[in-house]
Full PDB file with SEQRES, HELIX, SHEET, SSBOND, CRYST1, ORIGX, SCALE, CONECT and MASTER records, all heavy atoms in Angstrom:
SEQRES   1 A   41  SER GLU VAL ASP LEU ALA GLY PRO THR LEU GLN SER LEU          
SEQRES   2 A   41  LYS ALA LEU LEU ASP ASN PRO PRO LYS GLN THR GLU ALA          
SEQRES   3 A   41  GLN THR LEU ALA GLN TYR SER ARG LEU VAL HIS GLY LEU          
SEQRES   4 A   41  LEU SER                                                      
HELIX    1 AA1 ALA A    6  ASP A   18  1                                  13    
HELIX    2 AA2 ALA A   26  LEU A   40  1                                  15    
CRYST1    1.000    1.000    1.000  90.00  90.00  90.00 P 1           1          
ORIGX1      1.000000  0.000000  0.000000        0.00000                         
ORIGX2      0.000000  1.000000  0.000000        0.00000                         
ORIGX3      0.000000  0.000000  1.000000        0.00000                         
SCALE1      1.000000  0.000000  0.000000        0.00000                         
SCALE2      0.000000  1.000000  0.000000        0.00000                         
SCALE3      0.000000  0.000000  1.000000        0.00000                         
ATOM      1  N   SER A   1       0.845  -1.183   0.000  1.00  0.00           N  
ATOM      2  CA  SER A   1       0.000   0.000   0.000  1.00  0.00           C  
ATOM      3  C   SER A   1       0.880   1.231   0.000  1.00  0.00           C  
ATOM      4  O   SER A   1       1.934   1.258   0.635  1.00  0.00           O  
ATOM      5  CB  SER A   1      -0.912   0.010   1.230  1.00  0.00           C  
ATOM      6  OG  SER A   1      -1.648   1.206   1.259  1.00  0.00           O  
ATOM      7  N   GLU A   2       0.438   2.234  -0.731  1.00  0.00           N  
ATOM      8  CA  GLU A   2       1.148   3.508  -0.745  1.00  0.00           C  
ATOM      9  C   GLU A   2       0.908   4.285   0.546  1.00  0.00           C  
ATOM     10  O   GLU A   2       1.694   5.116   0.939  1.00  0.00           O  
ATOM     11  CB  GLU A   2       0.674   4.350  -1.941  1.00  0.00           C  
ATOM     12  CG  GLU A   2       0.980   3.725  -3.296  1.00  0.00           C  
ATOM     13  CD  GLU A   2       2.460   3.749  -3.615  1.00  0.00           C  
ATOM     14  OE1 GLU A   2       3.128   4.738  -3.251  1.00  0.00           O  
ATOM     15  OE2 GLU A   2       2.940   2.776  -4.220  1.00  0.00           O  
ATOM     16  N   VAL A   3      -0.216   3.998   1.204  1.00  0.00           N  
ATOM     17  CA  VAL A   3      -0.610   4.742   2.395  1.00  0.00           C  
ATOM     18  C   VAL A   3      -0.446   3.854   3.622  1.00  0.00           C  
ATOM     19  O   VAL A   3      -0.930   2.731   3.654  1.00  0.00           O  
ATOM     20  CB  VAL A   3      -2.088   5.188   2.275  1.00  0.00           C  
ATOM     21  CG1 VAL A   3      -2.519   5.959   3.511  1.00  0.00           C  
ATOM     22  CG2 VAL A   3      -2.303   6.011   1.027  1.00  0.00           C  
ATOM     23  N   ASP A   4       0.247   4.361   4.625  1.00  0.00           N  
ATOM     24  CA  ASP A   4       0.418   3.627   5.877  1.00  0.00           C  
ATOM     25  C   ASP A   4      -0.740   3.964   6.804  1.00  0.00           C  
ATOM     26  O   ASP A   4      -0.797   5.042   7.385  1.00  0.00           O  
ATOM     27  CB  ASP A   4       1.742   4.008   6.527  1.00  0.00           C  
ATOM     28  CG  ASP A   4       1.945   3.332   7.873  1.00  0.00           C  
ATOM     29  OD1 ASP A   4       1.264   2.314   8.139  1.00  0.00           O  
ATOM     30  OD2 ASP A   4       2.782   3.805   8.648  1.00  0.00           O  
ATOM     31  N   LEU A   5      -1.703   3.055   6.908  1.00  0.00           N  
ATOM     32  CA  LEU A   5      -2.842   3.267   7.793  1.00  0.00           C  
ATOM     33  C   LEU A   5      -2.587   2.696   9.180  1.00  0.00           C  
ATOM     34  O   LEU A   5      -3.095   3.204  10.170  1.00  0.00           O  
ATOM     35  CB  LEU A   5      -4.096   2.627   7.198  1.00  0.00           C  
ATOM     36  CG  LEU A   5      -4.552   3.192   5.860  1.00  0.00           C  
ATOM     37  CD1 LEU A   5      -5.734   2.418   5.324  1.00  0.00           C  
ATOM     38  CD2 LEU A   5      -4.879   4.667   5.977  1.00  0.00           C  
ATOM     39  N   ALA A   6      -1.812   1.623   9.252  1.00  0.00           N  
ATOM     40  CA  ALA A   6      -1.600   0.952  10.539  1.00  0.00           C  
ATOM     41  C   ALA A   6      -0.757   1.798  11.489  1.00  0.00           C  
ATOM     42  O   ALA A   6      -1.073   1.886  12.676  1.00  0.00           O  
ATOM     43  CB  ALA A   6      -0.941  -0.404  10.324  1.00  0.00           C  
ATOM     44  N   GLY A   7       0.288   2.427  10.983  1.00  0.00           N  
ATOM     45  CA  GLY A   7       1.179   3.204  11.846  1.00  0.00           C  
ATOM     46  C   GLY A   7       0.453   4.260  12.663  1.00  0.00           C  
ATOM     47  O   GLY A   7       0.501   4.246  13.896  1.00  0.00           O  
ATOM     48  N   PRO A   8      -0.244   5.192  12.011  1.00  0.00           N  
ATOM     49  CA  PRO A   8      -0.956   6.223  12.775  1.00  0.00           C  
ATOM     50  C   PRO A   8      -2.063   5.647  13.662  1.00  0.00           C  
ATOM     51  O   PRO A   8      -2.307   6.159  14.753  1.00  0.00           O  
ATOM     52  CB  PRO A   8      -1.555   7.128  11.702  1.00  0.00           C  
ATOM     53  CG  PRO A   8      -0.732   6.880  10.484  1.00  0.00           C  
ATOM     54  CD  PRO A   8      -0.273   5.458  10.581  1.00  0.00           C  
ATOM     55  N   THR A   9      -2.705   4.583  13.210  1.00  0.00           N  
ATOM     56  CA  THR A   9      -3.772   3.984  14.000  1.00  0.00           C  
ATOM     57  C   THR A   9      -3.208   3.390  15.280  1.00  0.00           C  
ATOM     58  O   THR A   9      -3.764   3.589  16.361  1.00  0.00           O  
ATOM     59  CB  THR A   9      -4.488   2.891  13.181  1.00  0.00           C  
ATOM     60  OG1 THR A   9      -4.988   3.478  11.988  1.00  0.00           O  
ATOM     61  CG2 THR A   9      -5.624   2.272  13.956  1.00  0.00           C  
ATOM     62  N   LEU A  10      -2.099   2.678  15.164  1.00  0.00           N  
ATOM     63  CA  LEU A  10      -1.491   2.072  16.352  1.00  0.00           C  
ATOM     64  C   LEU A  10      -0.967   3.136  17.307  1.00  0.00           C  
ATOM     65  O   LEU A  10      -1.055   2.980  18.522  1.00  0.00           O  
ATOM     66  CB  LEU A  10      -0.385   1.101  15.944  1.00  0.00           C  
ATOM     67  CG  LEU A  10      -0.863  -0.130  15.186  1.00  0.00           C  
ATOM     68  CD1 LEU A  10       0.324  -0.972  14.740  1.00  0.00           C  
ATOM     69  CD2 LEU A  10      -1.827  -0.955  16.018  1.00  0.00           C  
ATOM     70  N   GLN A  11      -0.432   4.236  16.759  1.00  0.00           N  
ATOM     71  CA  GLN A  11       0.032   5.329  17.616  1.00  0.00           C  
ATOM     72  C   GLN A  11      -1.142   5.933  18.383  1.00  0.00           C  
ATOM     73  O   GLN A  11      -1.028   6.256  19.564  1.00  0.00           O  
ATOM     74  CB  GLN A  11       0.724   6.398  16.783  1.00  0.00           C  
ATOM     75  CG  GLN A  11       2.054   5.952  16.212  1.00  0.00           C  
ATOM     76  CD  GLN A  11       2.628   6.976  15.234  1.00  0.00           C  
ATOM     77  OE1 GLN A  11       2.076   8.046  15.035  1.00  0.00           O  
ATOM     78  NE2 GLN A  11       3.741   6.626  14.625  1.00  0.00           N  
ATOM     79  N   SER A  12      -2.276   6.077  17.716  1.00  0.00           N  
ATOM     80  CA  SER A  12      -3.464   6.628  18.374  1.00  0.00           C  
ATOM     81  C   SER A  12      -3.966   5.689  19.458  1.00  0.00           C  
ATOM     82  O   SER A  12      -4.349   6.126  20.546  1.00  0.00           O  
ATOM     83  CB  SER A  12      -4.581   6.868  17.356  1.00  0.00           C  
ATOM     84  OG  SER A  12      -4.170   7.811  16.401  1.00  0.00           O  
ATOM     85  N   LEU A  13      -3.975   4.389  19.167  1.00  0.00           N  
ATOM     86  CA  LEU A  13      -4.408   3.410  20.165  1.00  0.00           C  
ATOM     87  C   LEU A  13      -3.472   3.431  21.368  1.00  0.00           C  
ATOM     88  O   LEU A  13      -3.925   3.420  22.514  1.00  0.00           O  
ATOM     89  CB  LEU A  13      -4.465   2.008  19.551  1.00  0.00           C  
ATOM     90  CG  LEU A  13      -4.861   0.883  20.495  1.00  0.00           C  
ATOM     91  CD1 LEU A  13      -6.245   1.118  21.092  1.00  0.00           C  
ATOM     92  CD2 LEU A  13      -4.817  -0.451  19.767  1.00  0.00           C  
ATOM     93  N   LYS A  14      -2.174   3.512  21.116  1.00  0.00           N  
ATOM     94  CA  LYS A  14      -1.204   3.563  22.212  1.00  0.00           C  
ATOM     95  C   LYS A  14      -1.423   4.811  23.063  1.00  0.00           C  
ATOM     96  O   LYS A  14      -1.405   4.755  24.294  1.00  0.00           O  
ATOM     97  CB  LYS A  14       0.227   3.536  21.680  1.00  0.00           C  
ATOM     98  CG  LYS A  14       1.271   3.516  22.793  1.00  0.00           C  
ATOM     99  CD  LYS A  14       2.672   3.490  22.246  1.00  0.00           C  
ATOM    100  CE  LYS A  14       3.739   3.425  23.310  1.00  0.00           C  
ATOM    101  NZ  LYS A  14       3.548   4.189  24.511  1.00  0.00           N  
ATOM    102  N   ALA A  15      -1.662   5.954  22.416  1.00  0.00           N  
ATOM    103  CA  ALA A  15      -1.906   7.194  23.164  1.00  0.00           C  
ATOM    104  C   ALA A  15      -3.153   7.067  24.030  1.00  0.00           C  
ATOM    105  O   ALA A  15      -3.178   7.528  25.172  1.00  0.00           O  
ATOM    106  CB  ALA A  15      -2.040   8.366  22.196  1.00  0.00           C  
ATOM    107  N   LEU A  16      -4.174   6.426  23.471  1.00  0.00           N  
ATOM    108  CA  LEU A  16      -5.417   6.229  24.228  1.00  0.00           C  
ATOM    109  C   LEU A  16      -5.171   5.335  25.437  1.00  0.00           C  
ATOM    110  O   LEU A  16      -5.626   5.620  26.542  1.00  0.00           O  
ATOM    111  CB  LEU A  16      -6.474   5.603  23.318  1.00  0.00           C  
ATOM    112  CG  LEU A  16      -7.820   5.314  23.937  1.00  0.00           C  
ATOM    113  CD1 LEU A  16      -8.532   6.621  24.269  1.00  0.00           C  
ATOM    114  CD2 LEU A  16      -8.669   4.497  22.982  1.00  0.00           C  
ATOM    115  N   LEU A  17      -4.424   4.258  25.244  1.00  0.00           N  
ATOM    116  CA  LEU A  17      -4.164   3.326  26.344  1.00  0.00           C  
ATOM    117  C   LEU A  17      -3.208   3.903  27.379  1.00  0.00           C  
ATOM    118  O   LEU A  17      -3.282   3.564  28.561  1.00  0.00           O  
ATOM    119  CB  LEU A  17      -3.617   2.005  25.793  1.00  0.00           C  
ATOM    120  CG  LEU A  17      -4.572   1.215  24.906  1.00  0.00           C  
ATOM    121  CD1 LEU A  17      -3.869  -0.003  24.329  1.00  0.00           C  
ATOM    122  CD2 LEU A  17      -5.821   0.814  25.659  1.00  0.00           C  
ATOM    123  N   ASP A  18      -2.294   4.784  26.929  1.00  0.00           N  
ATOM    124  CA  ASP A  18      -1.347   5.405  27.858  1.00  0.00           C  
ATOM    125  C   ASP A  18      -1.993   6.471  28.731  1.00  0.00           C  
ATOM    126  O   ASP A  18      -1.411   6.890  29.732  1.00  0.00           O  
ATOM    127  CB  ASP A  18      -0.184   6.041  27.088  1.00  0.00           C  
ATOM    128  CG  ASP A  18       0.823   5.020  26.598  1.00  0.00           C  
ATOM    129  OD1 ASP A  18       0.794   3.866  27.075  1.00  0.00           O  
ATOM    130  OD2 ASP A  18       1.650   5.376  25.729  1.00  0.00           O  
ATOM    131  N   ASN A  19      -3.180   6.932  28.341  1.00  0.00           N  
ATOM    132  CA  ASN A  19      -3.842   8.018  29.071  1.00  0.00           C  
ATOM    133  C   ASN A  19      -5.269   7.640  29.441  1.00  0.00           C  
ATOM    134  O   ASN A  19      -6.227   8.225  28.935  1.00  0.00           O  
ATOM    135  CB  ASN A  19      -3.844   9.290  28.213  1.00  0.00           C  
ATOM    136  CG  ASN A  19      -2.449   9.784  27.937  1.00  0.00           C  
ATOM    137  OD1 ASN A  19      -1.730  10.128  28.856  1.00  0.00           O  
ATOM    138  ND2 ASN A  19      -2.054   9.794  26.686  1.00  0.00           N  
ATOM    139  N   PRO A  20      -5.428   6.672  30.337  1.00  0.00           N  
ATOM    140  CA  PRO A  20      -6.789   6.300  30.755  1.00  0.00           C  
ATOM    141  C   PRO A  20      -7.441   7.460  31.499  1.00  0.00           C  
ATOM    142  O   PRO A  20      -6.751   8.388  31.942  1.00  0.00           O  
ATOM    143  CB  PRO A  20      -6.561   5.103  31.679  1.00  0.00           C  
ATOM    144  CG  PRO A  20      -5.180   5.264  32.180  1.00  0.00           C  
ATOM    145  CD  PRO A  20      -4.416   5.942  31.080  1.00  0.00           C  
ATOM    146  N   PRO A  21      -8.748   7.415  31.632  1.00  0.00           N  
ATOM    147  CA  PRO A  21      -9.432   8.517  32.326  1.00  0.00           C  
ATOM    148  C   PRO A  21      -8.939   8.660  33.763  1.00  0.00           C  
ATOM    149  O   PRO A  21      -8.670   7.676  34.438  1.00  0.00           O  
ATOM    150  CB  PRO A  21     -10.907   8.115  32.278  1.00  0.00           C  
ATOM    151  CG  PRO A  21     -10.945   6.684  31.888  1.00  0.00           C  
ATOM    152  CD  PRO A  21      -9.665   6.367  31.220  1.00  0.00           C  
ATOM    153  N   LYS A  22      -8.815   9.897  34.184  1.00  0.00           N  
ATOM    154  CA  LYS A  22      -8.352  10.155  35.552  1.00  0.00           C  
ATOM    155  C   LYS A  22      -9.486   9.987  36.557  1.00  0.00           C  
ATOM    156  O   LYS A  22      -9.257   9.753  37.724  1.00  0.00           O  
ATOM    157  CB  LYS A  22      -7.757  11.555  35.630  1.00  0.00           C  
ATOM    158  CG  LYS A  22      -6.454  11.673  34.843  1.00  0.00           C  
ATOM    159  CD  LYS A  22      -5.888  13.068  34.895  1.00  0.00           C  
ATOM    160  CE  LYS A  22      -4.608  13.242  34.134  1.00  0.00           C  
ATOM    161  NZ  LYS A  22      -4.360  12.439  32.982  1.00  0.00           N  
ATOM    162  N   GLN A  23     -10.701  10.110  36.064  1.00  0.00           N  
ATOM    163  CA  GLN A  23     -11.854   9.920  36.943  1.00  0.00           C  
ATOM    164  C   GLN A  23     -11.995   8.432  37.250  1.00  0.00           C  
ATOM    165  O   GLN A  23     -11.759   7.597  36.388  1.00  0.00           O  
ATOM    166  CB  GLN A  23     -13.128  10.420  36.269  1.00  0.00           C  
ATOM    167  CG  GLN A  23     -13.089  11.883  35.911  1.00  0.00           C  
ATOM    168  CD  GLN A  23     -14.261  12.274  35.029  1.00  0.00           C  
ATOM    169  OE1 GLN A  23     -14.971  11.432  34.527  1.00  0.00           O  
ATOM    170  NE2 GLN A  23     -14.443  13.562  34.852  1.00  0.00           N  
ATOM    171  N   THR A  24     -12.372   8.131  38.459  1.00  0.00           N  
ATOM    172  CA  THR A  24     -12.528   6.725  38.839  1.00  0.00           C  
ATOM    173  C   THR A  24     -13.997   6.320  38.928  1.00  0.00           C  
ATOM    174  O   THR A  24     -14.317   5.280  39.479  1.00  0.00           O  
ATOM    175  CB  THR A  24     -11.833   6.446  40.190  1.00  0.00           C  
ATOM    176  OG1 THR A  24     -12.378   7.320  41.173  1.00  0.00           O  
ATOM    177  CG2 THR A  24     -10.338   6.637  40.082  1.00  0.00           C  
ATOM    178  N   GLU A  25     -14.871   7.151  38.370  1.00  0.00           N  
ATOM    179  CA  GLU A  25     -16.288   6.808  38.398  1.00  0.00           C  
ATOM    180  C   GLU A  25     -16.518   5.548  37.572  1.00  0.00           C  
ATOM    181  O   GLU A  25     -15.939   5.371  36.503  1.00  0.00           O  
ATOM    182  CB  GLU A  25     -17.116   7.956  37.816  1.00  0.00           C  
ATOM    183  CG  GLU A  25     -17.037   9.231  38.627  1.00  0.00           C  
ATOM    184  CD  GLU A  25     -17.768  10.381  37.946  1.00  0.00           C  
ATOM    185  OE1 GLU A  25     -18.661  10.114  37.123  1.00  0.00           O  
ATOM    186  OE2 GLU A  25     -17.430  11.532  38.248  1.00  0.00           O  
ATOM    187  N   ALA A  26     -17.368   4.686  38.071  1.00  0.00           N  
ATOM    188  CA  ALA A  26     -17.628   3.403  37.410  1.00  0.00           C  
ATOM    189  C   ALA A  26     -18.126   3.604  35.977  1.00  0.00           C  
ATOM    190  O   ALA A  26     -17.714   2.878  35.068  1.00  0.00           O  
ATOM    191  CB  ALA A  26     -18.639   2.589  38.206  1.00  0.00           C  
ATOM    192  N   GLN A  27     -18.983   4.586  35.752  1.00  0.00           N  
ATOM    193  CA  GLN A  27     -19.522   4.810  34.414  1.00  0.00           C  
ATOM    194  C   GLN A  27     -18.412   5.229  33.445  1.00  0.00           C  
ATOM    195  O   GLN A  27     -18.357   4.762  32.310  1.00  0.00           O  
ATOM    196  CB  GLN A  27     -20.616   5.884  34.450  1.00  0.00           C  
ATOM    197  CG  GLN A  27     -21.239   6.124  33.083  1.00  0.00           C  
ATOM    198  CD  GLN A  27     -22.341   7.180  33.131  1.00  0.00           C  
ATOM    199  OE1 GLN A  27     -22.576   7.793  34.168  1.00  0.00           O  
ATOM    200  NE2 GLN A  27     -22.997   7.369  32.012  1.00  0.00           N  
ATOM    201  N   THR A  28     -17.517   6.102  33.879  1.00  0.00           N  
ATOM    202  CA  THR A  28     -16.414   6.557  33.032  1.00  0.00           C  
ATOM    203  C   THR A  28     -15.500   5.387  32.685  1.00  0.00           C  
ATOM    204  O   THR A  28     -15.094   5.223  31.530  1.00  0.00           O  
ATOM    205  CB  THR A  28     -15.608   7.669  33.742  1.00  0.00           C  
ATOM    206  OG1 THR A  28     -16.482   8.750  34.052  1.00  0.00           O  
ATOM    207  CG2 THR A  28     -14.478   8.165  32.878  1.00  0.00           C  
ATOM    208  N   LEU A  29     -15.159   4.575  33.675  1.00  0.00           N  
ATOM    209  CA  LEU A  29     -14.287   3.425  33.424  1.00  0.00           C  
ATOM    210  C   LEU A  29     -14.964   2.401  32.512  1.00  0.00           C  
ATOM    211  O   LEU A  29     -14.307   1.798  31.664  1.00  0.00           O  
ATOM    212  CB  LEU A  29     -13.870   2.788  34.749  1.00  0.00           C  
ATOM    213  CG  LEU A  29     -12.990   3.660  35.652  1.00  0.00           C  
ATOM    214  CD1 LEU A  29     -12.732   2.954  36.982  1.00  0.00           C  
ATOM    215  CD2 LEU A  29     -11.690   4.022  34.968  1.00  0.00           C  
ATOM    216  N   ALA A  30     -16.262   2.225  32.660  1.00  0.00           N  
ATOM    217  CA  ALA A  30     -17.000   1.293  31.802  1.00  0.00           C  
ATOM    218  C   ALA A  30     -17.011   1.794  30.361  1.00  0.00           C  
ATOM    219  O   ALA A  30     -16.832   1.009  29.425  1.00  0.00           O  
ATOM    220  CB  ALA A  30     -18.422   1.108  32.314  1.00  0.00           C  
ATOM    221  N   GLN A  31     -17.191   3.095  30.165  1.00  0.00           N  
ATOM    222  CA  GLN A  31     -17.171   3.670  28.816  1.00  0.00           C  
ATOM    223  C   GLN A  31     -15.797   3.497  28.187  1.00  0.00           C  
ATOM    224  O   GLN A  31     -15.674   3.156  27.012  1.00  0.00           O  
ATOM    225  CB  GLN A  31     -17.551   5.151  28.848  1.00  0.00           C  
ATOM    226  CG  GLN A  31     -19.009   5.399  29.130  1.00  0.00           C  
ATOM    227  CD  GLN A  31     -19.320   6.873  29.311  1.00  0.00           C  
ATOM    228  OE1 GLN A  31     -18.442   7.677  29.628  1.00  0.00           O  
ATOM    229  NE2 GLN A  31     -20.574   7.230  29.117  1.00  0.00           N  
ATOM    230  N   TYR A  32     -14.749   3.746  28.955  1.00  0.00           N  
ATOM    231  CA  TYR A  32     -13.380   3.588  28.468  1.00  0.00           C  
ATOM    232  C   TYR A  32     -13.116   2.132  28.084  1.00  0.00           C  
ATOM    233  O   TYR A  32     -12.554   1.854  27.023  1.00  0.00           O  
ATOM    234  CB  TYR A  32     -12.396   4.048  29.555  1.00  0.00           C  
ATOM    235  CG  TYR A  32     -10.943   3.896  29.187  1.00  0.00           C  
ATOM    236  CD1 TYR A  32     -10.345   4.769  28.290  1.00  0.00           C  
ATOM    237  CD2 TYR A  32     -10.167   2.891  29.742  1.00  0.00           C  
ATOM    238  CE1 TYR A  32      -8.999   4.639  27.962  1.00  0.00           C  
ATOM    239  CE2 TYR A  32      -8.829   2.764  29.424  1.00  0.00           C  
ATOM    240  CZ  TYR A  32      -8.248   3.635  28.532  1.00  0.00           C  
ATOM    241  OH  TYR A  32      -6.925   3.499  28.196  1.00  0.00           O  
ATOM    242  N   SER A  33     -13.548   1.225  28.923  1.00  0.00           N  
ATOM    243  CA  SER A  33     -13.368  -0.197  28.651  1.00  0.00           C  
ATOM    244  C   SER A  33     -14.090  -0.602  27.365  1.00  0.00           C  
ATOM    245  O   SER A  33     -13.541  -1.324  26.531  1.00  0.00           O  
ATOM    246  CB  SER A  33     -13.882  -1.015  29.831  1.00  0.00           C  
ATOM    247  OG  SER A  33     -13.768  -2.388  29.571  1.00  0.00           O  
ATOM    248  N   ARG A  34     -15.333  -0.116  27.175  1.00  0.00           N  
ATOM    249  CA  ARG A  34     -16.089  -0.428  25.953  1.00  0.00           C  
ATOM    250  C   ARG A  34     -15.412   0.166  24.723  1.00  0.00           C  
ATOM    251  O   ARG A  34     -15.386  -0.449  23.663  1.00  0.00           O  
ATOM    252  CB  ARG A  34     -17.525   0.078  26.068  1.00  0.00           C  
ATOM    253  CG  ARG A  34     -18.400  -0.792  26.957  1.00  0.00           C  
ATOM    254  CD  ARG A  34     -19.883  -0.489  26.788  1.00  0.00           C  
ATOM    255  NE  ARG A  34     -20.216   0.910  26.959  1.00  0.00           N  
ATOM    256  CZ  ARG A  34     -20.533   1.494  28.112  1.00  0.00           C  
ATOM    257  NH1 ARG A  34     -20.568   0.772  29.219  1.00  0.00           N  
ATOM    258  NH2 ARG A  34     -20.822   2.770  28.172  1.00  0.00           N  
ATOM    259  N   LEU A  35     -14.848   1.360  24.866  1.00  0.00           N  
ATOM    260  CA  LEU A  35     -14.148   2.006  23.753  1.00  0.00           C  
ATOM    261  C   LEU A  35     -12.951   1.174  23.310  1.00  0.00           C  
ATOM    262  O   LEU A  35     -12.781   0.881  22.125  1.00  0.00           O  
ATOM    263  CB  LEU A  35     -13.698   3.413  24.158  1.00  0.00           C  
ATOM    264  CG  LEU A  35     -12.793   4.132  23.164  1.00  0.00           C  
ATOM    265  CD1 LEU A  35     -13.551   4.452  21.890  1.00  0.00           C  
ATOM    266  CD2 LEU A  35     -12.215   5.386  23.778  1.00  0.00           C  
ATOM    267  N   VAL A  36     -12.123   0.770  24.262  1.00  0.00           N  
ATOM    268  CA  VAL A  36     -10.934  -0.033  23.943  1.00  0.00           C  
ATOM    269  C   VAL A  36     -11.358  -1.377  23.345  1.00  0.00           C  
ATOM    270  O   VAL A  36     -10.808  -1.816  22.339  1.00  0.00           O  
ATOM    271  CB  VAL A  36     -10.052  -0.229  25.201  1.00  0.00           C  
ATOM    272  CG1 VAL A  36      -8.943  -1.227  24.927  1.00  0.00           C  
ATOM    273  CG2 VAL A  36      -9.485   1.106  25.655  1.00  0.00           C  
ATOM    274  N   HIS A  37     -12.350  -2.018  23.936  1.00  0.00           N  
ATOM    275  CA  HIS A  37     -12.834  -3.301  23.425  1.00  0.00           C  
ATOM    276  C   HIS A  37     -13.358  -3.147  21.997  1.00  0.00           C  
ATOM    277  O   HIS A  37     -13.080  -3.966  21.125  1.00  0.00           O  
ATOM    278  CB  HIS A  37     -13.929  -3.848  24.343  1.00  0.00           C  
ATOM    279  CG  HIS A  37     -14.424  -5.188  23.932  1.00  0.00           C  
ATOM    280  ND1 HIS A  37     -15.522  -5.352  23.125  1.00  0.00           N  
ATOM    281  CD2 HIS A  37     -13.961  -6.433  24.197  1.00  0.00           C  
ATOM    282  CE1 HIS A  37     -15.715  -6.634  22.896  1.00  0.00           C  
ATOM    283  NE2 HIS A  37     -14.788  -7.310  23.546  1.00  0.00           N  
ATOM    284  N   GLY A  38     -14.108  -2.081  21.740  1.00  0.00           N  
ATOM    285  CA  GLY A  38     -14.650  -1.836  20.406  1.00  0.00           C  
ATOM    286  C   GLY A  38     -13.561  -1.619  19.371  1.00  0.00           C  
ATOM    287  O   GLY A  38     -13.644  -2.135  18.248  1.00  0.00           O  
ATOM    288  N   LEU A  39     -12.530  -0.863  19.734  1.00  0.00           N  
ATOM    289  CA  LEU A  39     -11.422  -0.624  18.796  1.00  0.00           C  
ATOM    290  C   LEU A  39     -10.690  -1.925  18.462  1.00  0.00           C  
ATOM    291  O   LEU A  39     -10.387  -2.203  17.303  1.00  0.00           O  
ATOM    292  CB  LEU A  39     -10.435   0.383  19.390  1.00  0.00           C  
ATOM    293  CG  LEU A  39     -10.889   1.830  19.415  1.00  0.00           C  
ATOM    294  CD1 LEU A  39      -9.923   2.677  20.239  1.00  0.00           C  
ATOM    295  CD2 LEU A  39     -10.993   2.379  18.007  1.00  0.00           C  
ATOM    296  N   LEU A  40     -10.413  -2.718  19.484  1.00  0.00           N  
ATOM    297  CA  LEU A  40      -9.717  -3.989  19.245  1.00  0.00           C  
ATOM    298  C   LEU A  40     -10.586  -4.946  18.434  1.00  0.00           C  
ATOM    299  O   LEU A  40     -10.089  -5.639  17.540  1.00  0.00           O  
ATOM    300  CB  LEU A  40      -9.294  -4.615  20.571  1.00  0.00           C  
ATOM    301  CG  LEU A  40      -8.223  -3.850  21.339  1.00  0.00           C  
ATOM    302  CD1 LEU A  40      -7.976  -4.495  22.689  1.00  0.00           C  
ATOM    303  CD2 LEU A  40      -6.943  -3.736  20.548  1.00  0.00           C  
ATOM    304  N   SER A  41     -11.876  -4.977  18.720  1.00  0.00           N  
ATOM    305  CA  SER A  41     -12.784  -5.836  17.955  1.00  0.00           C  
ATOM    306  C   SER A  41     -12.819  -5.417  16.494  1.00  0.00           C  
ATOM    307  O   SER A  41     -12.788  -6.262  15.591  1.00  0.00           O  
ATOM    308  CB  SER A  41     -14.200  -5.776  18.538  1.00  0.00           C  
ATOM    309  OG  SER A  41     -14.218  -6.342  19.821  1.00  0.00           O  
TER     310      SER A  41                                                      
MASTER        0    0    0    2    0    0    0    6  309    1    0    4          
END                                                                             
């Protein structure tokens, strides 16, 4: 491929995983967990 799609996508995923929500509310953590699960799926 002429266009590298995986590189920027993986960098974005890493940035997301490196910066989890600072709030410890159950709803916020559940949303974050669903977001990560959805991206990996």
